[in-house]
Amino acid sequence: MRRLACVPALRLPQRPQRLCPGLISGARASRICVPFCRPAFSYIEAVISMSIMAVGLTAGMRLYGSYARGKQVDSECEVARELAMGLASEIVGKPFEDPTAAAGSFGLESGESNRASFDDVDDFDTWSESPPALPGGAPLAPGCHVGYTRSVVVDNVVPTALATTAADGSTAAKCIRVKVERNGRVVTQLTIFRFRNGAYD
């Protein structure tokens, strides 16, 4: 019987395997780690993200600033309207002209040096005060009206053409303009017409 010669098998070179550290026992690894890529931001992506955040933050701050300014303006207008209406009500409640003075008189008469002594509508002509106060001079609301100024202009006007100004004390109609300012800026203006022999006379 013929013997067959043993020919060594051809062994192909094997690609070395990556082994996990700490898992090698003896000459063999008990576990083979499969390499993987962990996702992460690149520098460019980080810069772009920061730029987007900066733009959004800037827009948000501008929007908030506009909102805050709008709220402040609304608050100023509300306060100014109350101040103007309060003073206008006081003026309109006075007689059309001084009952003790000669007919056609206009402006302050003798002894009328302050608001508490005003006894007719035209006494308020060119009058102003800051901060707003009560007729006797006491502050209207201490600390609440800083920077506000109230002023009044009174003119005689033609009764049939109220936009036409006439000489002082010459007509039976008067135009009363009340203006309220805040730090030199006009916030509101109120115009009232008062007639001789009206409801308050």
Protein backbone atom coordinates (compact mmCIF):
# COMPACT_ATOMS: atom_id res chain seq x y z
CA MET A 1 0.00 0.00 0.00
CA ARG A 2 1.41 3.38 -1.03
CA ARG A 3 1.93 6.07 1.51
CA LEU A 4 0.86 9.58 0.73
CA ALA A 5 3.29 12.28 1.56
CA CYS A 6 2.01 14.94 3.95
CA VAL A 7 2.21 18.29 2.27
CA PRO A 8 1.93 21.27 4.65
CA ALA A 9 -1.14 23.34 3.98
CA LEU A 10 -0.63 26.76 2.50
CA ARG A 11 -1.28 29.35 5.15
CA LEU A 12 -2.40 32.74 4.01
CA PRO A 13 -1.21 35.76 5.98
CA GLN A 14 -3.91 36.96 8.36
CA ARG A 15 -4.72 40.58 9.07
CA PRO A 16 -3.85 41.46 12.63
CA GLN A 17 -6.91 41.98 14.85
CA ARG A 18 -7.35 44.87 17.24
CA LEU A 19 -7.59 43.65 20.80
CA CYS A 20 -9.12 45.45 23.73
CA PRO A 21 -6.61 46.38 26.42
CA GLY A 22 -7.06 44.50 29.65
CA LEU A 23 -8.87 41.59 28.02
CA ILE A 24 -5.87 39.65 26.86
CA SER A 25 -5.47 36.31 28.63
CA GLY A 26 -2.36 34.41 27.79
CA ALA A 27 -1.54 34.54 24.11
CA ARG A 28 -5.11 35.13 22.96
CA ALA A 29 -7.61 37.89 23.47
CA SER A 30 -10.87 36.88 25.01
CA ARG A 31 -12.68 39.68 23.20
CA ILE A 32 -12.12 41.59 20.00
CA CYS A 33 -13.09 45.28 19.91
CA VAL A 34 -14.67 46.60 16.78
CA PRO A 35 -13.38 50.10 16.10
CA PHE A 36 -16.09 52.79 15.88
CA CYS A 37 -16.33 56.55 15.38
CA ARG A 38 -17.89 58.66 18.12
CA PRO A 39 -19.88 61.66 16.70
CA ALA A 40 -18.62 65.12 17.70
CA PHE A 41 -18.79 68.78 16.63
CA SER A 42 -16.02 70.10 14.51
CA TYR A 43 -14.57 73.54 15.12
CA ILE A 44 -16.44 74.93 12.12
CA GLU A 45 -19.77 73.58 13.37
CA ALA A 46 -19.13 75.05 16.81
CA VAL A 47 -18.32 78.45 15.37
CA ILE A 48 -21.45 78.42 13.19
CA SER A 49 -23.62 77.43 16.17
CA MET A 50 -22.19 80.22 18.29
CA SER A 51 -22.78 82.73 15.50
CA ILE A 52 -26.43 81.69 15.18
CA MET A 53 -26.89 81.97 18.94
CA ALA A 54 -25.30 85.42 18.96
CA VAL A 55 -27.60 86.66 16.19
CA GLY A 56 -30.67 85.27 17.97
CA LEU A 57 -29.65 86.79 21.29
CA THR A 58 -29.06 90.20 19.71
CA ALA A 59 -32.47 90.12 18.02
CA GLY A 60 -34.11 89.10 21.28
CA MET A 61 -32.48 91.94 23.21
CA ARG A 62 -33.57 94.46 20.57
CA LEU A 63 -37.13 93.15 20.71
CA TYR A 64 -37.16 93.37 24.51
CA GLY A 65 -35.74 96.91 24.33
CA SER A 66 -38.51 97.98 21.95
CA TYR A 67 -41.12 96.40 24.21
CA ALA A 68 -39.72 98.15 27.29
CA ARG A 69 -39.63 101.53 25.52
CA GLY A 70 -43.21 101.02 24.32
CA LYS A 71 -44.38 100.27 27.85
CA GLN A 72 -42.62 103.37 29.15
CA VAL A 73 -44.24 105.58 26.50
CA ASP A 74 -47.68 104.13 27.27
CA SER A 75 -47.15 104.78 30.96
CA GLU A 76 -46.04 108.37 30.35
CA CYS A 77 -49.05 109.06 28.11
CA GLU A 78 -51.46 107.71 30.70
CA VAL A 79 -49.95 109.84 33.48
CA ALA A 80 -49.87 112.93 31.24
CA ARG A 81 -53.54 112.51 30.25
CA GLU A 82 -54.57 112.30 33.90
CA LEU A 83 -52.54 115.42 34.74
CA ALA A 84 -53.99 117.38 31.80
CA MET A 85 -57.60 116.36 32.48
CA GLY A 86 -57.31 117.15 36.18
CA LEU A 87 -56.03 120.67 35.49
CA ALA A 88 -58.53 121.24 32.66
CA SER A 89 -61.41 120.31 34.96
CA GLU A 90 -60.17 122.80 37.53
CA ILE A 91 -59.91 125.62 34.95
CA VAL A 92 -63.28 124.97 33.29
CA GLY A 93 -64.95 125.07 36.71
CA LYS A 94 -63.88 128.73 37.14
CA PRO A 95 -66.07 131.65 35.98
CA PHE A 96 -65.62 132.83 32.40
CA GLU A 97 -64.31 136.20 33.67
CA ASP A 98 -63.66 137.86 36.99
CA PRO A 99 -67.06 138.97 38.38
CA THR A 100 -65.45 141.77 40.39
CA ALA A 101 -63.38 143.22 37.50
CA ALA A 102 -64.40 145.50 34.67
CA ALA A 103 -65.91 143.98 31.54
CA GLY A 104 -63.27 142.80 29.08
CA SER A 105 -60.61 142.26 31.75
CA PHE A 106 -58.11 139.51 31.04
CA GLY A 107 -55.34 137.90 33.06
CA LEU A 108 -54.37 138.30 36.70
CA GLU A 109 -56.02 140.96 38.79
CA SER A 110 -54.71 142.59 41.91
CA GLY A 111 -53.99 140.11 44.70
CA GLU A 112 -53.89 137.06 42.41
CA SER A 113 -50.35 135.80 42.78
CA ASN A 114 -50.71 132.02 42.87
CA ARG A 115 -52.97 129.29 41.62
CA ALA A 116 -54.96 129.11 44.83
CA SER A 117 -56.11 132.71 44.24
CA PHE A 118 -57.15 132.26 40.60
CA ASP A 119 -60.86 133.03 40.33
CA ASP A 120 -61.55 132.93 36.58
CA VAL A 121 -60.48 131.10 33.43
CA ASP A 122 -58.04 133.62 31.99
CA ASP A 123 -56.04 133.85 35.23
CA PHE A 124 -54.35 130.61 34.08
CA ASP A 125 -52.97 132.20 30.90
CA THR A 126 -49.17 131.51 30.59
CA TRP A 127 -49.20 129.67 33.94
CA SER A 128 -46.98 126.59 34.43
CA GLU A 129 -45.71 124.35 37.22
CA SER A 130 -43.19 121.54 37.72
CA PRO A 131 -43.67 119.10 39.31
CA PRO A 132 -47.50 119.00 39.26
CA ALA A 133 -49.06 120.17 42.52
CA LEU A 134 -52.39 120.81 44.20
CA PRO A 135 -53.90 124.32 44.04
CA GLY A 136 -52.37 125.15 47.41
CA GLY A 137 -48.88 124.17 46.25
CA ALA A 138 -48.57 120.76 47.93
CA PRO A 139 -47.12 118.03 45.68
CA LEU A 140 -49.82 116.13 43.81
CA ALA A 141 -48.08 112.77 44.33
CA PRO A 142 -44.63 113.09 45.92
CA GLY A 143 -41.97 111.31 43.86
CA CYS A 144 -44.42 110.12 41.17
CA HIS A 145 -44.25 113.02 38.70
CA VAL A 146 -40.55 113.76 38.46
CA GLY A 147 -39.76 115.56 35.19
CA TYR A 148 -43.39 116.41 34.38
CA THR A 149 -44.44 120.01 33.63
CA ARG A 150 -47.96 121.41 33.17
CA SER A 151 -48.59 124.67 31.35
CA VAL A 152 -51.66 126.60 30.16
CA VAL A 153 -52.39 129.13 27.41
CA VAL A 154 -55.75 130.93 27.26
CA ASP A 155 -56.92 132.95 24.24
CA ASN A 156 -60.13 134.69 23.30
CA VAL A 157 -61.56 133.26 20.08
CA VAL A 158 -64.39 134.14 17.73
CA PRO A 159 -67.49 132.17 18.86
CA THR A 160 -68.52 131.41 15.28
CA ALA A 161 -64.97 130.54 14.20
CA LEU A 162 -63.22 128.91 17.13
CA ALA A 163 -59.94 128.55 15.23
CA THR A 164 -59.70 132.35 14.95
CA THR A 165 -57.92 134.11 17.81
CA ALA A 166 -59.26 137.47 18.99
CA ALA A 167 -57.97 140.24 21.26
CA ASP A 168 -57.85 139.45 24.97
CA GLY A 169 -61.20 139.95 26.67
CA SER A 170 -62.98 140.93 23.46
CA THR A 171 -65.23 137.92 22.79
CA ALA A 172 -67.64 135.56 24.55
CA ALA A 173 -65.51 132.47 23.90
CA LYS A 174 -62.10 131.37 25.18
CA CYS A 175 -59.79 128.59 24.06
CA ILE A 176 -57.89 126.83 26.86
CA ARG A 177 -54.84 124.76 25.92
CA VAL A 178 -53.31 122.50 28.56
CA LYS A 179 -49.94 120.96 27.76
CA VAL A 180 -48.03 118.29 29.69
CA GLU A 181 -44.32 117.67 29.09
CA ARG A 182 -41.85 115.11 30.39
CA ASN A 183 -38.20 116.18 30.50
CA GLY A 184 -38.86 118.85 27.87
CA ARG A 185 -40.76 116.54 25.51
CA VAL A 186 -44.47 117.17 24.87
CA VAL A 187 -46.44 114.09 25.93
CA THR A 188 -50.02 115.30 25.57
CA GLN A 189 -52.08 118.43 24.84
CA LEU A 190 -55.71 119.13 25.65
CA THR A 191 -57.89 121.88 24.14
CA ILE A 192 -61.15 123.09 25.73
CA PHE A 193 -63.52 125.91 24.78
CA ARG A 194 -65.29 127.95 27.41
CA PHE A 195 -68.21 130.31 26.67
CA ARG A 196 -69.66 133.25 28.58
CA ASN A 197 -72.91 132.41 30.37
CA GLY A 198 -72.08 128.73 30.08
CA ALA A 199 -73.06 125.96 32.51
CA TYR A 200 -70.39 126.98 35.03
CA ASP A 201 -71.42 130.66 35.19
